[in-house]
Amino acid sequence: MEAALLTIGDELLAGDVENTNATWLARQLSARGVAVRRIAVVPDVVEVIADHVRAYGDAFDAVVCTGGLGGTPDDLTMESVAAAFGRPLVVNEAAREDVERTLAAIAREYPDLDVNVERHASLPEGARPLLNPDGLSPGCVIENVYVLPGIPREMRAMFGLIAEEFAGDLRSRLLRTPLPESDVTPTLEAAREELPEVILGSYPSRGDDPNRVKITGETGAALDRAEAWLRERIEIED
């Protein structure tokens, strides 16, 4: 399974908010064997978001979007995803009921809260709603595109609802070496021809921590072969 991550928001591009969602999602998907092939940050512009959703939806098995859900003028993700599929936005009854329940539960704490329920509950026609376990705005699934909130705690809670829908064959193994990266590089270059069934990455560490070599492949046998080959040629810490 190959996936792309699309993180949405002017605040991400400006550096006002750190893009922790992309890192967290990439780790979650990779741990499930999914190959994350793209991570993009796009502004709150309908045409730009829609273009990326269309392109990534055609190129990959799944697209996970985060950010831009809610009732403010710059919350344009649902509108953009609907445009990408050529569908109208319609009020989803399950989403409406959930938004109303959430508002009722917090009414005493926020008595003056003015929320446009229909705006929050509007999803692309035919989309499967993802009710928000830890917030107000619902997400959705439309074909192979998953739309999640941008608030990290809400995004993580909602991802928990769909996590089992992501699975792939990739697995990885991390080796540690006391050698500097420059000493490891020739071996890794040779490995490209000798070990075509795996992907090797070199990740230097800071301070006294050993540097790391990551092996990624589709079978345990491929990882075993690559690890044995590397151990014969560079020093590995057990």
Protein backbone atom coordinates (compact mmCIF):
# COMPACT_ATOMS: atom_id res chain seq x y z
CA MET A 1 0.00 0.00 0.00
CA GLU A 2 1.29 3.43 -0.98
CA ALA A 3 0.02 6.62 0.65
CA ALA A 4 0.41 10.37 0.47
CA LEU A 5 -0.04 12.89 3.27
CA LEU A 6 -1.55 16.29 2.54
CA THR A 7 -1.30 18.79 5.38
CA ILE A 8 -3.32 21.94 4.84
CA GLY A 9 -2.99 25.43 6.27
CA ASP A 10 -1.38 28.82 5.72
CA GLU A 11 -0.13 28.63 9.31
CA LEU A 12 2.03 25.62 8.43
CA LEU A 13 3.62 27.36 5.47
CA ALA A 14 4.31 30.46 7.57
CA GLY A 15 5.93 28.43 10.33
CA ASP A 16 3.38 29.65 12.85
CA VAL A 17 2.44 26.03 13.66
CA GLU A 18 4.80 23.06 13.65
CA ASN A 19 3.68 20.29 11.32
CA THR A 20 3.66 17.50 13.89
CA ASN A 21 0.69 15.81 12.18
CA ALA A 22 2.75 14.78 9.16
CA THR A 23 5.49 13.22 11.29
CA TRP A 24 3.03 11.38 13.52
CA LEU A 25 0.98 10.04 10.62
CA ALA A 26 4.06 8.96 8.69
CA ARG A 27 5.22 6.95 11.69
CA GLN A 28 1.81 5.38 12.16
CA LEU A 29 1.51 4.37 8.52
CA SER A 30 5.08 3.13 8.27
CA ALA A 31 4.55 0.99 11.36
CA ARG A 32 1.65 -0.64 9.52
CA GLY A 33 3.80 -1.47 6.52
CA VAL A 34 2.49 1.38 4.36
CA ALA A 35 4.92 3.15 2.03
CA VAL A 36 4.51 6.91 2.50
CA ARG A 37 5.48 8.31 -0.91
CA ARG A 38 4.61 12.00 -0.56
CA ILE A 39 4.20 14.57 2.20
CA ALA A 40 2.97 17.97 1.03
CA VAL A 41 1.98 21.20 2.74
CA VAL A 42 -0.48 23.37 0.85
CA PRO A 43 -2.19 26.70 1.56
CA ASP A 44 -5.85 27.33 2.31
CA VAL A 45 -6.69 27.71 -1.38
CA VAL A 46 -9.47 25.59 -2.87
CA GLU A 47 -7.88 25.09 -6.28
CA VAL A 48 -4.50 24.09 -4.84
CA ILE A 49 -5.98 21.63 -2.35
CA ALA A 50 -8.29 20.12 -4.98
CA ASP A 51 -5.44 19.72 -7.48
CA HIS A 52 -3.32 17.85 -4.92
CA VAL A 53 -6.22 15.63 -3.85
CA ARG A 54 -6.90 14.66 -7.47
CA ALA A 55 -3.26 14.04 -8.32
CA TYR A 56 -2.45 12.06 -5.19
CA GLY A 57 -5.73 10.16 -5.30
CA ASP A 58 -4.88 8.95 -8.80
CA ALA A 59 -1.25 8.14 -7.99
CA PHE A 60 -1.52 6.38 -4.63
CA ASP A 61 -3.69 3.87 -2.79
CA ALA A 62 -4.65 6.35 -0.06
CA VAL A 63 -4.44 10.07 0.65
CA VAL A 64 -4.67 11.35 4.21
CA CYS A 65 -5.53 15.04 4.54
CA THR A 66 -5.31 17.00 7.79
CA GLY A 67 -6.35 20.55 8.60
CA GLY A 68 -8.88 23.08 7.42
CA LEU A 69 -12.00 21.65 9.06
CA GLY A 70 -14.40 23.86 10.97
CA GLY A 71 -16.44 27.00 10.60
CA THR A 72 -13.91 29.79 10.01
CA PRO A 73 -13.46 31.41 6.58
CA ASP A 74 -10.11 29.68 6.01
CA ASP A 75 -11.54 26.21 6.73
CA LEU A 76 -11.80 25.17 3.09
CA THR A 77 -10.77 21.53 3.06
CA MET A 78 -14.22 19.94 2.73
CA GLU A 79 -15.12 22.34 -0.06
CA SER A 80 -11.83 21.54 -1.78
CA VAL A 81 -12.20 17.77 -1.51
CA ALA A 82 -15.75 18.03 -2.84
CA ALA A 83 -14.43 20.05 -5.79
CA ALA A 84 -11.73 17.45 -6.44
CA PHE A 85 -14.40 14.79 -6.91
CA GLY A 86 -16.91 17.05 -8.64
CA ARG A 87 -19.48 16.58 -5.90
CA PRO A 88 -21.57 19.08 -3.94
CA LEU A 89 -21.33 19.61 -0.21
CA VAL A 90 -24.41 18.27 1.57
CA VAL A 91 -25.40 18.10 5.21
CA ASN A 92 -24.72 14.62 6.55
CA GLU A 93 -27.35 13.68 9.12
CA ALA A 94 -25.05 11.53 11.24
CA ALA A 95 -22.51 14.34 11.32
CA ARG A 96 -25.20 16.89 12.17
CA GLU A 97 -26.48 14.82 15.07
CA ASP A 98 -22.97 14.35 16.41
CA VAL A 99 -22.19 18.08 16.19
CA GLU A 100 -25.42 18.87 18.00
CA ARG A 101 -24.63 16.32 20.74
CA THR A 102 -21.18 17.80 21.21
CA LEU A 103 -22.56 21.33 21.42
CA ALA A 104 -25.18 20.25 23.96
CA ALA A 105 -22.50 18.62 26.10
CA ILE A 106 -20.46 21.83 26.28
CA ALA A 107 -23.35 24.32 26.35
CA ARG A 108 -23.02 25.02 30.08
CA GLU A 109 -19.28 25.67 29.78
CA TYR A 110 -19.68 27.79 26.62
CA PRO A 111 -23.16 29.34 26.85
CA ASP A 112 -22.51 31.99 24.18
CA LEU A 113 -20.96 29.68 21.61
CA ASP A 114 -22.40 30.44 18.15
CA VAL A 115 -21.78 27.55 15.76
CA ASN A 116 -23.10 27.04 12.25
CA VAL A 117 -24.10 23.40 12.65
CA GLU A 118 -24.87 22.84 8.98
CA ARG A 119 -21.48 24.17 7.89
CA HIS A 120 -19.70 21.84 10.27
CA ALA A 121 -21.84 18.89 9.20
CA SER A 122 -21.51 19.44 5.43
CA LEU A 123 -19.50 16.73 3.66
CA PRO A 124 -18.93 15.83 0.01
CA GLU A 125 -21.98 14.00 -1.28
CA GLY A 126 -21.64 10.26 -0.73
CA ALA A 127 -18.73 10.56 1.72
CA ARG A 128 -18.53 8.31 4.76
CA PRO A 129 -18.57 10.52 7.88
CA LEU A 130 -15.91 10.19 10.55
CA LEU A 131 -17.42 11.49 13.77
CA ASN A 132 -15.01 13.44 15.93
CA PRO A 133 -14.25 11.61 19.21
CA ASP A 134 -12.40 14.56 20.73
CA GLY A 135 -13.79 17.69 19.11
CA LEU A 136 -16.52 19.25 17.02
CA SER A 137 -15.79 19.01 13.30
CA PRO A 138 -16.32 15.65 11.60
CA GLY A 139 -13.97 14.20 9.03
CA CYS A 140 -14.85 11.90 6.18
CA VAL A 141 -13.73 9.25 3.73
CA ILE A 142 -14.46 9.63 0.03
CA GLU A 143 -13.11 6.89 -2.21
CA ASN A 144 -9.42 6.62 -1.22
CA VAL A 145 -9.18 10.07 0.43
CA TYR A 146 -9.31 10.40 4.22
CA VAL A 147 -10.03 13.85 5.67
CA LEU A 148 -9.01 14.46 9.30
CA PRO A 149 -8.90 17.52 11.58
CA GLY A 150 -5.76 19.58 11.97
CA ILE A 151 -5.81 19.83 15.78
CA PRO A 152 -3.34 17.08 16.74
CA ARG A 153 -5.34 15.45 19.53
CA GLU A 154 -8.46 15.37 17.34
CA MET A 155 -6.52 14.05 14.36
CA ARG A 156 -4.98 11.23 16.41
CA ALA A 157 -8.31 10.25 17.93
CA MET A 158 -10.00 10.17 14.53
CA PHE A 159 -7.14 8.24 12.94
CA GLY A 160 -7.80 5.58 15.56
CA LEU A 161 -11.19 5.02 13.92
CA ILE A 162 -9.63 4.14 10.56
CA ALA A 163 -6.17 2.83 11.47
CA GLU A 164 -7.05 -0.76 10.57
CA GLU A 165 -7.83 0.33 7.01
CA PHE A 166 -4.13 0.93 6.39
CA ALA A 167 -1.85 -2.05 5.88
CA GLY A 168 1.14 -2.85 3.72
CA ASP A 169 4.00 -5.26 3.23
CA LEU A 170 6.92 -3.02 4.13
CA ARG A 171 8.98 -3.78 7.23
CA SER A 172 12.16 -2.24 8.50
CA ARG A 173 15.12 -2.88 10.76
CA LEU A 174 17.46 -0.37 12.37
CA LEU A 175 21.17 -1.08 12.85
CA ARG A 176 23.57 1.08 14.84
CA THR A 177 27.18 1.70 13.97
CA PRO A 178 29.96 3.70 15.69
CA LEU A 179 31.43 4.57 12.29
CA PRO A 180 31.06 8.09 10.89
CA GLU A 181 28.68 8.40 7.96
CA SER A 182 31.54 9.01 5.52
CA ASP A 183 32.98 5.58 6.34
CA VAL A 184 29.64 3.87 5.79
CA THR A 185 28.82 5.59 2.49
CA PRO A 186 30.96 3.40 0.16
CA THR A 187 29.37 0.25 1.56
CA LEU A 188 25.87 1.64 1.11
CA GLU A 189 26.70 2.63 -2.47
CA ALA A 190 27.84 -0.92 -3.20
CA ALA A 191 24.69 -2.26 -1.55
CA ARG A 192 22.51 -0.65 -4.21
CA GLU A 193 23.67 -3.27 -6.69
CA GLU A 194 24.10 -6.14 -4.24
CA LEU A 195 20.82 -5.69 -2.37
CA PRO A 196 18.21 -4.43 -4.86
CA GLU A 197 15.37 -5.95 -2.84
CA VAL A 198 15.81 -3.49 0.04
CA ILE A 199 16.13 0.24 0.59
CA LEU A 200 18.98 1.44 2.79
CA GLY A 201 19.06 4.74 4.61
CA SER A 202 21.86 6.37 6.57
CA TYR A 203 20.81 8.53 9.50
CA PRO A 204 23.56 10.33 11.42
CA SER A 205 22.98 10.91 15.12
CA ARG A 206 24.08 13.76 17.35
CA GLY A 207 26.41 13.66 20.29
CA ASP A 208 27.59 10.28 21.51
CA ASP A 209 24.72 8.28 20.02
CA PRO A 210 25.75 5.81 17.29
CA ASN A 211 24.79 6.50 13.70
CA ARG A 212 21.96 4.43 12.23
CA VAL A 213 21.43 2.40 9.09
CA LYS A 214 17.83 1.57 8.26
CA ILE A 215 16.91 -1.44 6.13
CA THR A 216 13.46 -1.49 4.52
CA GLY A 217 12.01 -4.36 2.50
CA GLU A 218 8.97 -6.53 1.96
CA THR A 219 10.12 -9.79 3.55
CA GLY A 220 11.98 -10.89 6.63
CA ALA A 221 14.31 -12.91 4.41
CA ALA A 222 15.30 -9.78 2.51
CA LEU A 223 16.03 -7.96 5.76
CA ASP A 224 18.05 -10.89 7.09
CA ARG A 225 20.16 -11.07 3.93
CA ALA A 226 20.80 -7.33 3.95
CA GLU A 227 21.72 -7.29 7.63
CA ALA A 228 24.14 -10.19 7.23
CA TRP A 229 25.73 -8.51 4.20
CA LEU A 230 26.19 -5.24 6.10
CA ARG A 231 27.58 -6.93 9.20
CA GLU A 232 30.34 -8.45 7.08
CA ARG A 233 31.42 -5.02 5.87
CA ILE A 234 30.82 -2.44 8.58
CA GLU A 235 30.94 -2.48 12.35
CA ILE A 236 27.49 -2.93 13.89
CA GLU A 237 26.67 -2.44 17.56
CA ASP A 238 24.43 -5.11 19.09
